[in-house]
Amino acid sequence: MFLNQNKMNQQSYFTHLDALENEAIHIMREVAAECANPVLLFSGGKDSVVLLRLAEKAFRPSHFPFPLMHIDTGHNFPEVIEFRDYRAKQLGERLIVRSMEDSIQRGRVILRSKNQSRNPFQAVTLLDAISEFGFDACIGGARRDEEKARAKERIFSFRDEFGQWDPKNQRPELWSLYNARTHPGENIRVFPISNWTELDIWQYIGREQLEIPSIYYAHERDVIVRNSSLLPVSYLVQPEAGESVQHMMVRFRTVGDMSCTCPVASQARGVEEIIVETALTRITERGATRMDDRTSEASMELRKREGYF
């Protein structure tokens, strides 16, 4: 009897992951209740995979009260795009894809070269898609621990009629009460996992046994060492004069454009090994792997002021 009671106590123990999960589910339900036409941004990355599981727990057995949407830069890793389509089909949810290639063809985005990183220009395609469908709220997987500009943001982040973020013009969120009121043309960006850390994400992936794209796990890949970072070799990234291609065991901590997302050297082939690596690291995932965030100290904040997620 004593052993059975111990087992029951262990099963009913309320963990920090349970608290984070409950908060995120509450936020998603608030969006569904307060907003007329929300959308969930799903890229196929690990954070948006977690969002899908939270949406399942918030709304199943019904369909989600919002579609999924991805802004495809055309430079995404093929493994991630393949997983994006697979997971949306598996869930039976509507997936909207809007392409930066279309924005370029229409002259909405002008690049200096065909191989230039498209990441900073996603805001144009995103804002066009928001206008096209009349979305008043976009749910995304940004977290405060990723980058200092994101650390400033509220869970319900107000954007004006131009899609711009003004950190000095945000709404109080006392006692988990959220204000989603908007005028026509304005929208809210909602971050249900804002209070999660990279370690929380991996622990949750392990607990929920979530499928994620294979490139998050250690694998062999050709890379170039450039400015102390590892760049994956692709049709977008080729060795320059004096550089050589190395074949290494690597994994990706975050995924974005192939032209600016760097892997890290790793032997971690499973979730438990990644959890150990993540617990020991002292560099944020974006700080370690995203070259587009290194252009200036305020690069992310400047992009967010222009409408970037």
Protein backbone atom coordinates (compact mmCIF):
# COMPACT_ATOMS: atom_id res chain seq x y z
CA MET A 1 0.00 0.00 0.00
CA PHE A 2 2.84 2.39 0.89
CA LEU A 3 4.59 1.68 -2.42
CA ASN A 4 1.35 2.21 -4.36
CA GLN A 5 0.79 5.54 -2.58
CA ASN A 6 4.33 6.64 -3.45
CA LYS A 7 3.71 5.77 -7.09
CA MET A 8 0.48 7.79 -7.09
CA ASN A 9 2.28 10.78 -5.56
CA GLN A 10 4.97 10.63 -8.23
CA GLN A 11 2.40 10.48 -11.01
CA SER A 12 0.48 13.48 -9.70
CA TYR A 13 3.57 15.63 -9.02
CA PHE A 14 3.15 19.08 -10.63
CA THR A 15 6.36 20.02 -12.45
CA HIS A 16 7.60 23.30 -13.87
CA LEU A 17 6.79 21.92 -17.33
CA ASP A 18 3.18 21.43 -16.24
CA ALA A 19 3.06 25.06 -15.09
CA LEU A 20 4.49 26.32 -18.38
CA GLU A 21 2.13 24.08 -20.35
CA ASN A 22 -0.92 25.30 -18.42
CA GLU A 23 0.07 28.94 -18.99
CA ALA A 24 0.54 28.37 -22.73
CA ILE A 25 -2.79 26.55 -23.08
CA HIS A 26 -4.52 29.40 -21.23
CA ILE A 27 -2.92 31.93 -23.61
CA MET A 28 -4.01 29.98 -26.70
CA ARG A 29 -7.56 29.75 -25.43
CA GLU A 30 -7.53 33.48 -24.72
CA VAL A 31 -6.55 34.11 -28.34
CA ALA A 32 -9.38 31.90 -29.57
CA ALA A 33 -11.86 33.68 -27.28
CA GLU A 34 -10.76 37.29 -27.86
CA CYS A 35 -9.60 37.39 -31.48
CA ALA A 36 -11.80 37.21 -34.55
CA ASN A 37 -9.33 35.75 -37.04
CA PRO A 38 -6.07 34.37 -35.57
CA VAL A 39 -3.40 32.25 -37.24
CA LEU A 40 -0.59 30.06 -35.87
CA LEU A 41 2.80 30.50 -37.54
CA PHE A 42 4.29 27.05 -38.16
CA SER A 43 7.75 26.74 -39.71
CA GLY A 44 8.47 23.11 -38.85
CA GLY A 45 11.06 24.18 -36.24
CA LYS A 46 11.17 22.78 -32.72
CA ASP A 47 9.41 25.72 -31.04
CA SER A 48 6.49 25.64 -33.46
CA VAL A 49 6.29 21.85 -33.07
CA VAL A 50 5.79 22.46 -29.34
CA LEU A 51 3.10 25.04 -30.17
CA LEU A 52 1.22 22.42 -32.18
CA ARG A 53 1.22 19.99 -29.25
CA LEU A 54 -0.04 22.77 -26.96
CA ALA A 55 -2.78 23.60 -29.48
CA GLU A 56 -3.77 19.92 -29.52
CA LYS A 57 -4.11 19.93 -25.75
CA ALA A 58 -6.01 23.22 -25.82
CA PHE A 59 -8.58 22.36 -28.52
CA ARG A 60 -8.75 18.66 -29.36
CA PRO A 61 -10.92 16.77 -30.26
CA SER A 62 -12.04 19.79 -32.32
CA HIS A 63 -9.98 21.23 -35.13
CA PHE A 64 -7.81 24.22 -34.23
CA PRO A 65 -9.80 27.49 -34.29
CA PHE A 66 -7.15 28.93 -36.61
CA PRO A 67 -5.15 27.84 -39.66
CA LEU A 68 -1.38 27.29 -39.75
CA MET A 69 0.81 29.58 -41.85
CA HIS A 70 4.44 29.58 -42.94
CA ILE A 71 6.41 32.33 -44.66
CA ASP A 72 8.72 30.37 -46.95
CA THR A 73 11.91 32.26 -47.81
CA GLY A 74 12.88 29.73 -50.50
CA HIS A 75 16.17 29.21 -48.64
CA ASN A 76 14.82 26.90 -45.94
CA PHE A 77 16.40 23.55 -45.19
CA PRO A 78 14.59 20.87 -47.25
CA GLU A 79 14.37 18.57 -44.22
CA VAL A 80 12.37 21.22 -42.36
CA ILE A 81 9.99 21.95 -45.26
CA GLU A 82 9.36 18.23 -45.70
CA PHE A 83 8.59 17.90 -41.99
CA ARG A 84 6.33 20.99 -42.06
CA ASP A 85 4.11 19.46 -44.73
CA TYR A 86 4.14 16.03 -43.10
CA ARG A 87 3.10 17.34 -39.68
CA ALA A 88 0.32 19.59 -41.01
CA LYS A 89 -1.10 16.68 -43.01
CA GLN A 90 -0.78 14.35 -40.02
CA LEU A 91 -2.82 16.77 -37.88
CA GLY A 92 -5.38 17.39 -40.61
CA GLU A 93 -5.06 21.16 -40.22
CA ARG A 94 -5.09 23.79 -42.97
CA LEU A 95 -1.61 25.06 -43.86
CA ILE A 96 -1.20 28.38 -45.67
CA VAL A 97 2.18 28.95 -47.33
CA ARG A 98 3.21 32.34 -48.63
CA SER A 99 6.50 32.61 -50.50
CA MET A 100 9.10 35.34 -50.51
CA GLU A 101 9.81 34.32 -54.08
CA ASP A 102 6.39 35.73 -55.02
CA SER A 103 7.22 38.96 -53.15
CA ILE A 104 10.47 39.23 -55.12
CA GLN A 105 8.72 38.58 -58.44
CA ARG A 106 6.18 41.32 -57.65
CA GLY A 107 8.94 43.78 -56.74
CA ARG A 108 7.88 43.93 -53.10
CA VAL A 109 11.34 42.70 -52.04
CA ILE A 110 14.54 43.72 -53.81
CA LEU A 111 17.75 41.81 -53.06
CA ARG A 112 21.33 42.83 -53.84
CA SER A 113 22.13 39.30 -55.07
CA LYS A 114 20.24 36.03 -55.56
CA ASN A 115 22.16 34.39 -52.70
CA GLN A 116 21.63 37.23 -50.20
CA SER A 117 20.03 36.14 -46.93
CA ARG A 118 16.27 36.54 -47.18
CA ASN A 119 15.65 36.31 -43.45
CA PRO A 120 15.52 40.08 -42.80
CA PHE A 121 12.92 40.55 -45.55
CA GLN A 122 10.35 38.04 -44.29
CA ALA A 123 8.40 40.89 -42.71
CA VAL A 124 7.20 42.10 -46.13
CA THR A 125 5.68 38.74 -47.07
CA LEU A 126 4.29 38.26 -43.56
CA LEU A 127 2.58 41.66 -43.51
CA ASP A 128 1.17 41.05 -46.99
CA ALA A 129 -0.25 37.70 -45.82
CA ILE A 130 -1.76 39.28 -42.70
CA SER A 131 -3.44 41.89 -44.91
CA GLU A 132 -4.58 39.29 -47.47
CA PHE A 133 -6.38 37.13 -44.90
CA GLY A 134 -7.28 39.85 -42.42
CA PHE A 135 -5.56 38.14 -39.49
CA ASP A 136 -5.86 40.07 -36.24
CA ALA A 137 -3.52 37.81 -34.22
CA CYS A 138 -0.45 35.74 -35.11
CA ILE A 139 0.60 33.04 -32.66
CA GLY A 140 4.32 32.26 -32.74
CA GLY A 141 7.04 30.39 -30.91
CA ALA A 142 9.39 33.25 -29.93
CA ARG A 143 10.91 33.02 -26.45
CA ARG A 144 12.40 35.69 -24.20
CA ASP A 145 15.64 33.76 -23.62
CA GLU A 146 16.50 33.75 -27.33
CA GLU A 147 17.52 37.39 -27.77
CA LYS A 148 17.39 40.64 -25.80
CA ALA A 149 14.87 42.33 -28.12
CA ARG A 150 12.52 39.41 -27.60
CA ALA A 151 13.08 39.67 -23.86
CA LYS A 152 11.41 43.10 -23.98
CA GLU A 153 8.26 41.81 -25.59
CA ARG A 154 4.93 41.15 -23.90
CA ILE A 155 3.08 37.88 -24.42
CA PHE A 156 0.41 39.82 -26.36
CA SER A 157 2.62 42.12 -28.43
CA PHE A 158 0.74 44.97 -30.11
CA ARG A 159 1.62 45.94 -33.70
CA ASP A 160 0.31 49.10 -35.35
CA GLU A 161 -1.39 49.44 -38.75
CA PHE A 162 2.04 49.26 -40.42
CA GLY A 163 2.92 46.03 -38.60
CA GLN A 164 5.53 47.84 -36.53
CA TRP A 165 6.47 47.06 -32.94
CA ASP A 166 7.00 49.95 -30.53
CA PRO A 167 8.43 48.65 -27.23
CA LYS A 168 7.23 51.84 -25.49
CA ASN A 169 3.65 51.37 -26.66
CA GLN A 170 2.66 48.02 -25.17
CA ARG A 171 -0.14 46.96 -22.86
CA PRO A 172 0.13 45.86 -19.22
CA GLU A 173 -0.41 42.17 -18.52
CA LEU A 174 -1.25 42.08 -14.82
CA TRP A 175 -2.59 38.84 -13.30
CA SER A 176 -2.38 37.09 -16.70
CA LEU A 177 -5.09 39.34 -18.14
CA TYR A 178 -4.52 40.07 -21.82
CA ASN A 179 -5.93 42.84 -24.00
CA ALA A 180 -6.33 41.75 -27.61
CA ARG A 181 -8.40 44.69 -28.86
CA THR A 182 -7.28 46.07 -32.20
CA HIS A 183 -8.50 48.58 -34.75
CA PRO A 184 -8.77 47.54 -38.41
CA GLY A 185 -5.28 47.00 -39.84
CA GLU A 186 -3.63 46.49 -36.44
CA ASN A 187 -2.72 43.07 -35.09
CA ILE A 188 -1.37 41.24 -32.09
CA ARG A 189 1.61 38.88 -32.06
CA VAL A 190 1.08 36.27 -29.36
CA PHE A 191 3.87 34.25 -27.74
CA PRO A 192 2.47 31.39 -25.59
CA ILE A 193 5.93 29.97 -24.85
CA SER A 194 7.58 33.33 -24.16
CA ASN A 195 8.53 32.23 -20.62
CA TRP A 196 10.06 28.93 -21.74
CA THR A 197 13.79 28.38 -22.17
CA GLU A 198 15.62 26.27 -24.75
CA LEU A 199 16.11 23.67 -22.02
CA ASP A 200 12.36 23.66 -21.26
CA ILE A 201 11.62 23.11 -24.95
CA TRP A 202 13.89 20.06 -25.14
CA GLN A 203 12.58 18.63 -21.88
CA TYR A 204 9.04 19.01 -23.19
CA ILE A 205 9.95 17.40 -26.52
CA GLY A 206 11.36 14.49 -24.53
CA ARG A 207 8.36 14.22 -22.20
CA GLU A 208 5.81 14.41 -25.02
CA GLN A 209 7.93 12.28 -27.38
CA LEU A 210 7.49 14.81 -30.18
CA GLU A 211 8.80 14.27 -33.69
CA ILE A 212 11.07 17.04 -34.97
CA PRO A 213 13.17 17.51 -38.14
CA SER A 214 16.20 15.24 -38.30
CA ILE A 215 18.70 18.12 -38.55
CA TYR A 216 18.19 18.93 -34.86
CA TYR A 217 20.07 15.71 -34.08
CA ALA A 218 23.77 15.08 -34.68
CA HIS A 219 24.56 14.07 -38.26
CA GLU A 220 27.46 14.28 -40.69
CA ARG A 221 27.55 17.38 -42.89
CA ASP A 222 29.99 19.39 -44.99
CA VAL A 223 30.71 22.74 -43.36
CA ILE A 224 32.99 25.76 -43.77
CA VAL A 225 34.62 27.53 -40.83
CA ARG A 226 33.95 31.25 -41.30
CA ASN A 227 34.33 33.94 -38.62
CA SER A 228 34.51 31.25 -35.92
CA SER A 229 31.16 29.79 -37.06
CA LEU A 230 30.33 26.64 -38.99
CA LEU A 231 28.43 27.33 -42.21
CA PRO A 232 26.66 24.40 -43.90
CA VAL A 233 27.74 23.91 -47.50
CA SER A 234 24.86 24.27 -49.96
CA TYR A 235 24.10 25.89 -53.31
CA LEU A 236 23.85 29.15 -51.34
CA VAL A 237 27.08 28.76 -49.36
CA GLN A 238 30.32 27.81 -51.07
CA PRO A 239 33.92 28.12 -49.82
CA GLU A 240 35.63 31.42 -50.51
CA ALA A 241 39.33 31.90 -51.25
CA GLY A 242 41.42 30.33 -48.50
CA GLU A 243 38.51 28.33 -47.04
CA SER A 244 38.19 24.56 -47.14
CA VAL A 245 35.26 22.21 -46.69
CA GLN A 246 35.31 20.02 -43.60
CA HIS A 247 33.16 16.95 -42.96
CA MET A 248 31.96 17.10 -39.36
CA MET A 249 29.39 15.73 -36.96
CA VAL A 250 27.01 18.63 -36.24
CA ARG A 251 23.45 19.48 -35.25
CA PHE A 252 21.29 22.59 -35.51
CA ARG A 253 20.03 24.35 -32.39
CA THR A 254 17.69 26.55 -34.42
CA VAL A 255 16.65 26.56 -38.08
CA GLY A 256 16.27 29.47 -40.48
CA ASP A 257 17.75 30.33 -43.86
CA MET A 258 20.49 27.99 -45.07
CA SER A 259 22.54 31.10 -45.86
CA CYS A 260 22.73 32.35 -42.26
CA THR A 261 21.98 29.45 -39.89
CA CYS A 262 25.02 27.70 -38.47
CA PRO A 263 25.17 24.25 -36.88
CA VAL A 264 27.24 23.43 -33.82
CA ALA A 265 29.67 20.55 -33.42
CA SER A 266 27.85 17.82 -31.53
CA GLN A 267 27.61 14.10 -30.93
CA ALA A 268 24.09 14.31 -29.48
CA ARG A 269 21.91 11.91 -31.44
CA GLY A 270 18.98 11.84 -29.01
CA VAL A 271 16.86 14.12 -26.85
CA GLU A 272 18.51 13.16 -23.56
CA GLU A 273 21.97 13.94 -24.91
CA ILE A 274 20.76 17.29 -26.26
CA ILE A 275 19.24 18.14 -22.87
CA VAL A 276 22.65 17.57 -21.27
CA GLU A 277 24.39 19.75 -23.90
CA THR A 278 21.79 22.51 -23.52
CA ALA A 279 22.10 22.53 -19.74
CA LEU A 280 25.86 23.08 -20.04
CA THR A 281 25.95 25.74 -22.77
CA ARG A 282 26.34 29.43 -21.89
CA ILE A 283 25.55 30.88 -25.32
CA THR A 284 21.98 31.37 -26.51
CA GLU A 285 20.90 29.39 -29.54
CA ARG A 286 20.54 32.48 -31.72
CA GLY A 287 23.79 33.95 -30.43
CA ALA A 288 25.65 30.77 -31.32
CA THR A 289 24.03 29.96 -34.65
CA ARG A 290 22.37 32.94 -36.39
CA MET A 291 24.68 35.13 -38.45
CA ASP A 292 21.82 37.52 -39.29
CA ASP A 293 21.62 38.51 -35.61
CA ARG A 294 25.28 39.59 -35.54
CA THR A 295 25.06 42.47 -38.00
CA SER A 296 24.62 44.88 -35.07
CA GLU A 297 23.73 44.88 -31.37
CA ALA A 298 20.20 45.98 -32.29
CA SER A 299 19.66 43.93 -35.46
CA MET A 300 16.70 41.95 -34.12
CA GLU A 301 15.00 44.98 -32.58
CA LEU A 302 15.34 46.95 -35.83
CA ARG A 303 13.76 44.11 -37.79
CA LYS A 304 10.92 43.79 -35.28
CA ARG A 305 10.18 47.50 -35.60
CA GLU A 306 9.75 46.86 -39.34
CA GLY A 307 7.24 44.05 -38.80
CA TYR A 308 9.48 40.98 -38.32
CA PHE A 309 8.02 38.37 -36.03
